[in-house]
């Protein structure tokens, strides 16, 4: 009886591996990296109807994965659910301090700085003696702390790289800038805000100048001016801006011969 209990986990894991090879399970690995090399790995296994017919369930798979060394780390969580199409889904969330801890029997993950110390580099290498190379199909999504500048991924969008298959027989790599996506967006926002402030200051200065010119021409035409407009007009006795009366101090047009206020000859 004890021997059969020990053999049961191996049988379930062997069945799961066979189902993956047959296309009855869809497996995806999502790596979310941080600047210090820590992060979160999310294994998502969708059980297709072909595997459900054979009796494999998410609950059975969860119980057997708990004994695996990669899924026995502190903080590992198992989440059962269903996809939009109704298939059972098991998600295993594995937080790690060093990405090497999630390396498996068939592949090794490394994360380091580039030689010029300007980029972060993540690489995934399949071991030469791996039996899954070229056979097993596992999608991989990598989210880097900065904008991706170089990668051999099938699709790259900003800080996220998509690989159609982890076991495609070559070294997978992703290089990103050290500056985070949030910092880059913040820098752009600050630049746009600066441009808007300069534009606003220019409009304010233009309106102020226009208002002062309007006040001056209003005085020249003899209309009522606003308080403080007199300070905007040069206090010359005679010039292009007009004449000040020696008797009452009123401002008059440059070609006036008599004061518009007191009638004194200018």
C-alpha atoms as a PDB file:
ATOM      1  CA  UNK A   1       0.000   0.000   0.000  1.00  0.00           C
ATOM      2  CA  UNK A   2       2.839   2.411   0.906  1.00  0.00           C
ATOM      3  CA  UNK A   3       4.586   1.648  -2.349  1.00  0.00           C
ATOM      4  CA  UNK A   4       1.468   2.436  -4.384  1.00  0.00           C
ATOM      5  CA  UNK A   5       1.103   5.786  -2.611  1.00  0.00           C
ATOM      6  CA  UNK A   6       4.662   6.709  -3.504  1.00  0.00           C
ATOM      7  CA  UNK A   7       4.132   5.736  -7.110  1.00  0.00           C
ATOM      8  CA  UNK A   8       0.921   7.757  -7.452  1.00  0.00           C
ATOM      9  CA  UNK A   9       2.606  11.242  -7.650  1.00  0.00           C
ATOM     10  CA  UNK A  10       5.032   9.971 -10.270  1.00  0.00           C
ATOM     11  CA  UNK A  11       2.172   8.563 -12.297  1.00  0.00           C
ATOM     12  CA  UNK A  12       0.233  11.833 -12.153  1.00  0.00           C
ATOM     13  CA  UNK A  13       3.243  13.949 -13.137  1.00  0.00           C
ATOM     14  CA  UNK A  14       4.116  11.502 -15.911  1.00  0.00           C
ATOM     15  CA  UNK A  15       0.534  11.701 -17.157  1.00  0.00           C
ATOM     16  CA  UNK A  16       0.673  15.500 -17.084  1.00  0.00           C
ATOM     17  CA  UNK A  17       3.934  15.505 -19.063  1.00  0.00           C
ATOM     18  CA  UNK A  18       2.458  13.174 -21.655  1.00  0.00           C
ATOM     19  CA  UNK A  19      -0.607  15.390 -21.949  1.00  0.00           C
ATOM     20  CA  UNK A  20       1.599  18.441 -22.510  1.00  0.00           C
ATOM     21  CA  UNK A  21       3.450  16.583 -25.233  1.00  0.00           C
ATOM     22  CA  UNK A  22       0.149  15.590 -26.811  1.00  0.00           C
ATOM     23  CA  UNK A  23      -1.186  19.136 -26.704  1.00  0.00           C
ATOM     24  CA  UNK A  24      -3.825  18.417 -24.045  1.00  0.00           C
ATOM     25  CA  UNK A  25      -2.374  20.993 -21.641  1.00  0.00           C
ATOM     26  CA  UNK A  26      -1.433  24.582 -22.383  1.00  0.00           C
ATOM     27  CA  UNK A  27       1.420  25.832 -20.207  1.00  0.00           C
ATOM     28  CA  UNK A  28       2.622  29.419 -19.880  1.00  0.00           C
ATOM     29  CA  UNK A  29       5.449  30.845 -17.773  1.00  0.00           C
ATOM     30  CA  UNK A  30       5.287  34.551 -16.958  1.00  0.00           C
ATOM     31  CA  UNK A  31       8.332  36.212 -15.374  1.00  0.00           C
ATOM     32  CA  UNK A  32       7.978  39.633 -13.773  1.00  0.00           C
ATOM     33  CA  UNK A  33      11.478  40.936 -13.050  1.00  0.00           C
ATOM     34  CA  UNK A  34      12.616  43.706 -10.714  1.00  0.00           C
ATOM     35  CA  UNK A  35      15.808  45.736 -10.788  1.00  0.00           C
ATOM     36  CA  UNK A  36      17.483  43.758  -7.971  1.00  0.00           C
ATOM     37  CA  UNK A  37      16.926  40.377  -9.654  1.00  0.00           C
ATOM     38  CA  UNK A  38      13.929  39.383  -7.575  1.00  0.00           C
ATOM     39  CA  UNK A  39      10.441  39.017  -8.957  1.00  0.00           C
ATOM     40  CA  UNK A  40       7.460  36.735  -9.424  1.00  0.00           C
ATOM     41  CA  UNK A  41       7.050  33.686 -11.658  1.00  0.00           C
ATOM     42  CA  UNK A  42       3.536  32.608 -12.664  1.00  0.00           C
ATOM     43  CA  UNK A  43       2.993  29.156 -14.098  1.00  0.00           C
ATOM     44  CA  UNK A  44      -0.402  28.894 -15.782  1.00  0.00           C
ATOM     45  CA  UNK A  45      -1.651  25.439 -16.785  1.00  0.00           C
ATOM     46  CA  UNK A  46      -4.915  25.162 -18.712  1.00  0.00           C
ATOM     47  CA  UNK A  47      -6.441  21.691 -18.766  1.00  0.00           C
ATOM     48  CA  UNK A  48      -8.052  21.128 -22.146  1.00  0.00           C
ATOM     49  CA  UNK A  49     -11.093  18.840 -22.580  1.00  0.00           C
ATOM     50  CA  UNK A  50      -8.918  16.021 -23.931  1.00  0.00           C
ATOM     51  CA  UNK A  51      -7.041  15.873 -20.596  1.00  0.00           C
ATOM     52  CA  UNK A  52     -10.227  16.217 -18.552  1.00  0.00           C
ATOM     53  CA  UNK A  53     -11.614  13.112 -20.264  1.00  0.00           C
ATOM     54  CA  UNK A  54      -8.608  11.147 -19.009  1.00  0.00           C
ATOM     55  CA  UNK A  55      -9.394  12.199 -15.432  1.00  0.00           C
ATOM     56  CA  UNK A  56      -6.756  14.869 -14.792  1.00  0.00           C
ATOM     57  CA  UNK A  57      -8.067  17.801 -12.732  1.00  0.00           C
ATOM     58  CA  UNK A  58      -6.533  21.014 -11.415  1.00  0.00           C
ATOM     59  CA  UNK A  59      -6.874  19.790  -7.837  1.00  0.00           C
ATOM     60  CA  UNK A  60      -4.913  16.599  -8.588  1.00  0.00           C
ATOM     61  CA  UNK A  61      -2.200  18.538 -10.383  1.00  0.00           C
ATOM     62  CA  UNK A  62      -1.914  20.999  -7.503  1.00  0.00           C
ATOM     63  CA  UNK A  63      -1.447  18.272  -4.919  1.00  0.00           C
ATOM     64  CA  UNK A  64       1.339  16.658  -6.909  1.00  0.00           C
ATOM     65  CA  UNK A  65       3.152  19.899  -7.721  1.00  0.00           C
ATOM     66  CA  UNK A  66       3.424  20.756  -4.030  1.00  0.00           C
ATOM     67  CA  UNK A  67       6.130  18.102  -3.705  1.00  0.00           C
ATOM     68  CA  UNK A  68       8.272  19.623  -6.494  1.00  0.00           C
ATOM     69  CA  UNK A  69      11.288  21.600  -5.269  1.00  0.00           C
ATOM     70  CA  UNK A  70      10.542  24.602  -7.483  1.00  0.00           C
ATOM     71  CA  UNK A  71       7.052  24.897  -5.998  1.00  0.00           C
ATOM     72  CA  UNK A  72       8.002  24.324  -2.360  1.00  0.00           C
ATOM     73  CA  UNK A  73       9.598  27.751  -1.864  1.00  0.00           C
ATOM     74  CA  UNK A  74       8.220  30.119   0.815  1.00  0.00           C
ATOM     75  CA  UNK A  75       5.271  32.184  -0.357  1.00  0.00           C
ATOM     76  CA  UNK A  76       4.199  29.891  -3.226  1.00  0.00           C
ATOM     77  CA  UNK A  77       0.449  30.046  -3.907  1.00  0.00           C
ATOM     78  CA  UNK A  78      -1.800  27.775  -5.946  1.00  0.00           C
ATOM     79  CA  UNK A  79      -4.898  29.314  -7.503  1.00  0.00           C
ATOM     80  CA  UNK A  80      -7.575  27.229  -9.175  1.00  0.00           C
ATOM     81  CA  UNK A  81     -10.032  28.730 -11.613  1.00  0.00           C
ATOM     82  CA  UNK A  82     -11.582  28.505 -15.024  1.00  0.00           C
ATOM     83  CA  UNK A  83     -10.741  30.177 -18.313  1.00  0.00           C
ATOM     84  CA  UNK A  84     -13.260  32.074 -20.402  1.00  0.00           C
ATOM     85  CA  UNK A  85     -13.912  28.915 -22.434  1.00  0.00           C
ATOM     86  CA  UNK A  86     -14.774  26.883 -19.312  1.00  0.00           C
ATOM     87  CA  UNK A  87     -11.519  24.891 -19.077  1.00  0.00           C
ATOM     88  CA  UNK A  88      -9.944  24.351 -15.676  1.00  0.00           C
ATOM     89  CA  UNK A  89      -6.887  26.526 -14.989  1.00  0.00           C
ATOM     90  CA  UNK A  90      -4.227  26.097 -12.315  1.00  0.00           C
ATOM     91  CA  UNK A  91      -1.962  29.089 -11.630  1.00  0.00           C
ATOM     92  CA  UNK A  92       1.126  28.674  -9.487  1.00  0.00           C
ATOM     93  CA  UNK A  93       2.563  31.969  -8.191  1.00  0.00           C
ATOM     94  CA  UNK A  94       6.209  31.690  -7.139  1.00  0.00           C
ATOM     95  CA  UNK A  95       7.906  34.780  -5.629  1.00  0.00           C
ATOM     96  CA  UNK A  96      11.710  34.626  -5.695  1.00  0.00           C
ATOM     97  CA  UNK A  97      14.714  36.635  -4.551  1.00  0.00           C
ATOM     98  CA  UNK A  98      17.023  35.191  -7.195  1.00  0.00           C
ATOM     99  CA  UNK A  99      15.745  34.175 -10.613  1.00  0.00           C
ATOM    100  CA  UNK A 100      18.094  31.180 -10.602  1.00  0.00           C
ATOM    101  CA  UNK A 101      15.818  29.562  -8.007  1.00  0.00           C
ATOM    102  CA  UNK A 102      13.153  28.962 -10.653  1.00  0.00           C
ATOM    103  CA  UNK A 103      15.555  27.165 -12.996  1.00  0.00           C
ATOM    104  CA  UNK A 104      14.280  23.680 -13.702  1.00  0.00           C
ATOM    105  CA  UNK A 105      15.677  20.325 -14.676  1.00  0.00           C
ATOM    106  CA  UNK A 106      15.602  21.298 -18.346  1.00  0.00           C
ATOM    107  CA  UNK A 107      16.520  25.006 -18.378  1.00  0.00           C
ATOM    108  CA  UNK A 108      18.578  27.641 -16.539  1.00  0.00           C
ATOM    109  CA  UNK A 109      17.573  31.283 -16.061  1.00  0.00           C
ATOM    110  CA  UNK A 110      20.152  34.058 -15.530  1.00  0.00           C
ATOM    111  CA  UNK A 111      19.726  37.766 -14.810  1.00  0.00           C
ATOM    112  CA  UNK A 112      22.619  40.242 -14.741  1.00  0.00           C
ATOM    113  CA  UNK A 113      23.959  43.599 -15.908  1.00  0.00           C
ATOM    114  CA  UNK A 114      25.426  44.081 -19.347  1.00  0.00           C
ATOM    115  CA  UNK A 115      29.161  44.622 -19.757  1.00  0.00           C
ATOM    116  CA  UNK A 116      28.701  48.402 -20.092  1.00  0.00           C
ATOM    117  CA  UNK A 117      26.411  48.456 -16.993  1.00  0.00           C
ATOM    118  CA  UNK A 118      23.687  50.255 -18.930  1.00  0.00           C
ATOM    119  CA  UNK A 119      21.214  47.402 -19.432  1.00  0.00           C
ATOM    120  CA  UNK A 120      19.619  44.480 -17.633  1.00  0.00           C
ATOM    121  CA  UNK A 121      19.971  41.126 -19.395  1.00  0.00           C
ATOM    122  CA  UNK A 122      17.800  38.052 -18.812  1.00  0.00           C
ATOM    123  CA  UNK A 123      18.645  34.803 -20.573  1.00  0.00           C
ATOM    124  CA  UNK A 124      17.087  31.343 -20.617  1.00  0.00           C
ATOM    125  CA  UNK A 125      19.205  28.416 -21.745  1.00  0.00           C
ATOM    126  CA  UNK A 126      17.880  24.927 -22.317  1.00  0.00           C
ATOM    127  CA  UNK A 127      20.253  22.238 -21.055  1.00  0.00           C
ATOM    128  CA  UNK A 128      21.904  20.062 -23.656  1.00  0.00           C
ATOM    129  CA  UNK A 129      20.746  16.857 -21.992  1.00  0.00           C
ATOM    130  CA  UNK A 130      17.156  18.049 -21.782  1.00  0.00           C
ATOM    131  CA  UNK A 131      14.620  15.569 -23.091  1.00  0.00           C
ATOM    132  CA  UNK A 132      12.064  18.353 -23.609  1.00  0.00           C
ATOM    133  CA  UNK A 133      14.117  20.385 -26.089  1.00  0.00           C
ATOM    134  CA  UNK A 134      12.325  20.585 -29.410  1.00  0.00           C
ATOM    135  CA  UNK A 135       9.388  18.515 -28.088  1.00  0.00           C
ATOM    136  CA  UNK A 136       7.767  20.308 -25.167  1.00  0.00           C
ATOM    137  CA  UNK A 137       5.923  23.548 -25.893  1.00  0.00           C
ATOM    138  CA  UNK A 138       5.697  26.196 -23.147  1.00  0.00           C
ATOM    139  CA  UNK A 139       4.859  29.841 -23.832  1.00  0.00           C
ATOM    140  CA  UNK A 140       6.927  32.384 -21.945  1.00  0.00           C
ATOM    141  CA  UNK A 141       6.232  36.050 -21.208  1.00  0.00           C
ATOM    142  CA  UNK A 142       8.962  38.237 -19.679  1.00  0.00           C
ATOM    143  CA  UNK A 143       8.265  41.624 -18.102  1.00  0.00           C
ATOM    144  CA  UNK A 144      11.456  43.649 -17.595  1.00  0.00           C
ATOM    145  CA  UNK A 145      11.978  46.655 -15.256  1.00  0.00           C
ATOM    146  CA  UNK A 146      12.881  48.934 -18.192  1.00  0.00           C
ATOM    147  CA  UNK A 147      12.109  49.355 -21.868  1.00  0.00           C
ATOM    148  CA  UNK A 148      13.274  46.394 -23.946  1.00  0.00           C
ATOM    149  CA  UNK A 149      15.927  47.430 -26.483  1.00  0.00           C
ATOM    150  CA  UNK A 150      17.125  44.042 -27.752  1.00  0.00           C
ATOM    151  CA  UNK A 151      15.650  40.548 -27.764  1.00  0.00           C
ATOM    152  CA  UNK A 152      15.044  37.491 -29.928  1.00  0.00           C
ATOM    153  CA  UNK A 153      11.453  37.209 -28.725  1.00  0.00           C
ATOM    154  CA  UNK A 154       8.610  36.618 -31.177  1.00  0.00           C
ATOM    155  CA  UNK A 155       6.915  39.837 -30.052  1.00  0.00           C
ATOM    156  CA  UNK A 156       8.094  42.833 -28.022  1.00  0.00           C
ATOM    157  CA  UNK A 157       5.883  45.586 -26.664  1.00  0.00           C
ATOM    158  CA  UNK A 158       7.465  48.191 -24.381  1.00  0.00           C
ATOM    159  CA  UNK A 159       8.690  46.284 -21.331  1.00  0.00           C
ATOM    160  CA  UNK A 160       7.109  42.919 -22.235  1.00  0.00           C
ATOM    161  CA  UNK A 161       8.568  40.179 -24.452  1.00  0.00           C
ATOM    162  CA  UNK A 162       6.562  37.189 -25.724  1.00  0.00           C
ATOM    163  CA  UNK A 163       8.161  33.852 -26.655  1.00  0.00           C
ATOM    164  CA  UNK A 164       5.982  31.297 -28.410  1.00  0.00           C
ATOM    165  CA  UNK A 165       8.032  28.402 -27.016  1.00  0.00           C
ATOM    166  CA  UNK A 166      10.544  28.195 -24.198  1.00  0.00           C
ATOM    167  CA  UNK A 167      12.027  24.984 -25.639  1.00  0.00           C
ATOM    168  CA  UNK A 168      12.749  26.144 -29.171  1.00  0.00           C
ATOM    169  CA  UNK A 169      16.364  25.032 -29.153  1.00  0.00           C
ATOM    170  CA  UNK A 170      18.248  28.310 -28.816  1.00  0.00           C
ATOM    171  CA  UNK A 171      19.313  30.791 -26.148  1.00  0.00           C
ATOM    172  CA  UNK A 172      16.499  33.184 -25.308  1.00  0.00           C
ATOM    173  CA  UNK A 173      17.507  36.653 -24.186  1.00  0.00           C
ATOM    174  CA  UNK A 174      15.954  40.011 -23.310  1.00  0.00           C
ATOM    175  CA  UNK A 175      17.852  43.273 -22.737  1.00  0.00           C
ATOM    176  CA  UNK A 176      16.223  46.347 -21.239  1.00  0.00           C
ATOM    177  CA  UNK A 177      17.260  49.795 -20.112  1.00  0.00           C
ATOM    178  CA  UNK A 178      17.939  50.375 -16.430  1.00  0.00           C
ATOM    179  CA  UNK A 179      15.461  53.220 -16.184  1.00  0.00           C
ATOM    180  CA  UNK A 180      12.007  51.983 -15.326  1.00  0.00           C
ATOM    181  CA  UNK A 181       8.956  52.407 -17.541  1.00  0.00           C
ATOM    182  CA  UNK A 182       7.319  54.611 -14.881  1.00  0.00           C
ATOM    183  CA  UNK A 183      10.393  56.869 -14.737  1.00  0.00           C
ATOM    184  CA  UNK A 184      10.439  57.275 -18.523  1.00  0.00           C
ATOM    185  CA  UNK A 185       6.745  58.155 -18.606  1.00  0.00           C
ATOM    186  CA  UNK A 186       7.277  60.572 -15.707  1.00  0.00           C
ATOM    187  CA  UNK A 187      10.120  62.276 -17.599  1.00  0.00           C
ATOM    188  CA  UNK A 188       7.906  62.683 -20.653  1.00  0.00           C
ATOM    189  CA  UNK A 189       5.112  64.095 -18.488  1.00  0.00           C
ATOM    190  CA  UNK A 190       7.500  66.586 -16.879  1.00  0.00           C
ATOM    191  CA  UNK A 191       8.734  67.686 -20.314  1.00  0.00           C
ATOM    192  CA  UNK A 192       5.188  68.197 -21.592  1.00  0.00           C
ATOM    193  CA  UNK A 193       4.280  70.104 -18.420  1.00  0.00           C
ATOM    194  CA  UNK A 194       7.335  72.339 -18.871  1.00  0.00           C
ATOM    195  CA  UNK A 195       6.334  73.140 -22.446  1.00  0.00           C
ATOM    196  CA  UNK A 196       2.799  73.980 -21.319  1.00  0.00           C
ATOM    197  CA  UNK A 197       4.136  76.266 -18.568  1.00  0.00           C
ATOM    198  CA  UNK A 198       6.402  78.124 -21.021  1.00  0.00           C
ATOM    199  CA  UNK A 199       3.521  78.447 -23.463  1.00  0.00           C
ATOM    200  CA  UNK A 200       1.273  79.801 -20.709  1.00  0.00           C
ATOM    201  CA  UNK A 201       3.899  82.327 -19.630  1.00  0.00           C
ATOM    202  CA  UNK A 202       4.285  83.478 -23.228  1.00  0.00           C
ATOM    203  CA  UNK A 203       0.538  83.957 -23.608  1.00  0.00           C
ATOM    204  CA  UNK A 204       0.394  85.829 -20.275  1.00  0.00           C
ATOM    205  CA  UNK A 205       3.236  88.172 -21.291  1.00  0.00           C
ATOM    206  CA  UNK A 206       1.616  88.792 -24.691  1.00  0.00           C
ATOM    207  CA  UNK A 207      -1.751  89.605 -23.110  1.00  0.00           C
ATOM    208  CA  UNK A 208      -0.115  91.908 -20.567  1.00  0.00           C
ATOM    209  CA  UNK A 209       1.732  93.759 -23.290  1.00  0.00           C
ATOM    210  CA  UNK A 210      -1.453  94.028 -25.347  1.00  0.00           C
ATOM    211  CA  UNK A 211      -3.325  95.413 -22.327  1.00  0.00           C
ATOM    212  CA  UNK A 212      -0.659  98.037 -21.693  1.00  0.00           C
ATOM    213  CA  UNK A 213      -0.709  99.148 -25.325  1.00  0.00           C
ATOM    214  CA  UNK A 214      -4.516  99.374 -25.216  1.00  0.00           C
ATOM    215  CA  UNK A 215      -4.317 101.561 -22.111  1.00  0.00           C
ATOM    216  CA  UNK A 216      -1.779 103.877 -23.750  1.00  0.00           C
ATOM    217  CA  UNK A 217      -3.873 104.353 -26.871  1.00  0.00           C
ATOM    218  CA  UNK A 218      -6.916 104.891 -24.704  1.00  0.00           C
ATOM    219  CA  UNK A 219      -5.158 107.782 -22.961  1.00  0.00           C
ATOM    220  CA  UNK A 220      -3.980 109.165 -26.276  1.00  0.00           C
ATOM    221  CA  UNK A 221      -7.537 109.218 -27.560  1.00  0.00           C
ATOM    222  CA  UNK A 222      -8.749 110.934 -24.424  1.00  0.00           C
ATOM    223  CA  UNK A 223     -10.757 108.018 -23.096  1.00  0.00           C
ATOM    224  CA  UNK A 224     -10.802 106.906 -19.471  1.00  0.00           C
ATOM    225  CA  UNK A 225      -7.855 104.750 -18.571  1.00  0.00           C
ATOM    226  CA  UNK A 226      -7.496 102.156 -15.838  1.00  0.00           C
ATOM    227  CA  UNK A 227      -5.789 102.920 -12.583  1.00  0.00           C
ATOM    228  CA  UNK A 228      -2.068 102.566 -12.988  1.00  0.00           C
ATOM    229  CA  UNK A 229      -2.061 103.173 -16.753  1.00  0.00           C
ATOM    230  CA  UNK A 230      -0.209 106.455 -16.286  1.00  0.00           C
ATOM    231  CA  UNK A 231       2.807 104.560 -14.992  1.00  0.00           C
ATOM    232  CA  UNK A 232       2.948 102.661 -18.289  1.00  0.00           C
ATOM    233  CA  UNK A 233       3.381 105.874 -20.273  1.00  0.00           C
ATOM    234  CA  UNK A 234       6.843 107.520 -20.263  1.00  0.00           C
ATOM    235  CA  UNK A 235       6.637 110.806 -18.348  1.00  0.00           C
ATOM    236  CA  UNK A 236       8.283 112.964 -20.985  1.00  0.00           C
ATOM    237  CA  UNK A 237       7.152 116.492 -21.551  1.00  0.00           C
ATOM    238  CA  UNK A 238       6.756 115.957 -25.268  1.00  0.00           C
ATOM    239  CA  UNK A 239       7.240 112.964 -27.487  1.00  0.00           C
ATOM    240  CA  UNK A 240       5.485 110.357 -29.539  1.00  0.00           C
ATOM    241  CA  UNK A 241       3.379 109.367 -26.526  1.00  0.00           C
ATOM    242  CA  UNK A 242       1.960 112.878 -25.985  1.00  0.00           C
ATOM    243  CA  UNK A 243       2.251 116.041 -23.833  1.00  0.00           C
ATOM    244  CA  UNK A 244       1.665 116.635 -20.128  1.00  0.00           C
ATOM    245  CA  UNK A 245       0.006 119.906 -19.124  1.00  0.00           C
ATOM    246  CA  UNK A 246       2.217 122.116 -16.954  1.00  0.00           C
ATOM    247  CA  UNK A 247      -0.832 123.425 -15.122  1.00  0.00           C
ATOM    248  CA  UNK A 248      -2.890 120.365 -14.180  1.00  0.00           C
ATOM    249  CA  UNK A 249      -0.594 117.549 -15.262  1.00  0.00           C
ATOM    250  CA  UNK A 250      -3.146 115.975 -17.598  1.00  0.00           C
ATOM    251  CA  UNK A 251      -1.939 113.858 -20.488  1.00  0.00           C
ATOM    252  CA  UNK A 252      -2.726 115.157 -23.991  1.00  0.00           C
ATOM    253  CA  UNK A 253      -2.211 113.987 -27.539  1.00  0.00           C
ATOM    254  CA  UNK A 254       1.135 114.832 -29.182  1.00  0.00           C
ATOM    255  CA  UNK A 255      -0.469 117.245 -31.667  1.00  0.00           C
ATOM    256  CA  UNK A 256      -2.754 118.975 -29.102  1.00  0.00           C
ATOM    257  CA  UNK A 257      -2.335 122.756 -28.714  1.00  0.00           C
ATOM    258  CA  UNK A 258      -4.559 123.158 -25.642  1.00  0.00           C
ATOM    259  CA  UNK A 259      -5.040 120.969 -22.573  1.00  0.00           C
ATOM    260  CA  UNK A 260      -8.119 118.778 -22.800  1.00  0.00           C
ATOM    261  CA  UNK A 261      -8.784 119.219 -19.070  1.00  0.00           C
ATOM    262  CA  UNK A 262      -8.034 122.787 -18.116  1.00  0.00           C
ATOM    263  CA  UNK A 263      -7.757 124.418 -21.580  1.00  0.00           C
ATOM    264  CA  UNK A 264      -4.293 125.849 -20.917  1.00  0.00           C
ATOM    265  CA  UNK A 265      -2.170 126.479 -24.001  1.00  0.00           C
ATOM    266  CA  UNK A 266       0.483 123.794 -24.378  1.00  0.00           C
END
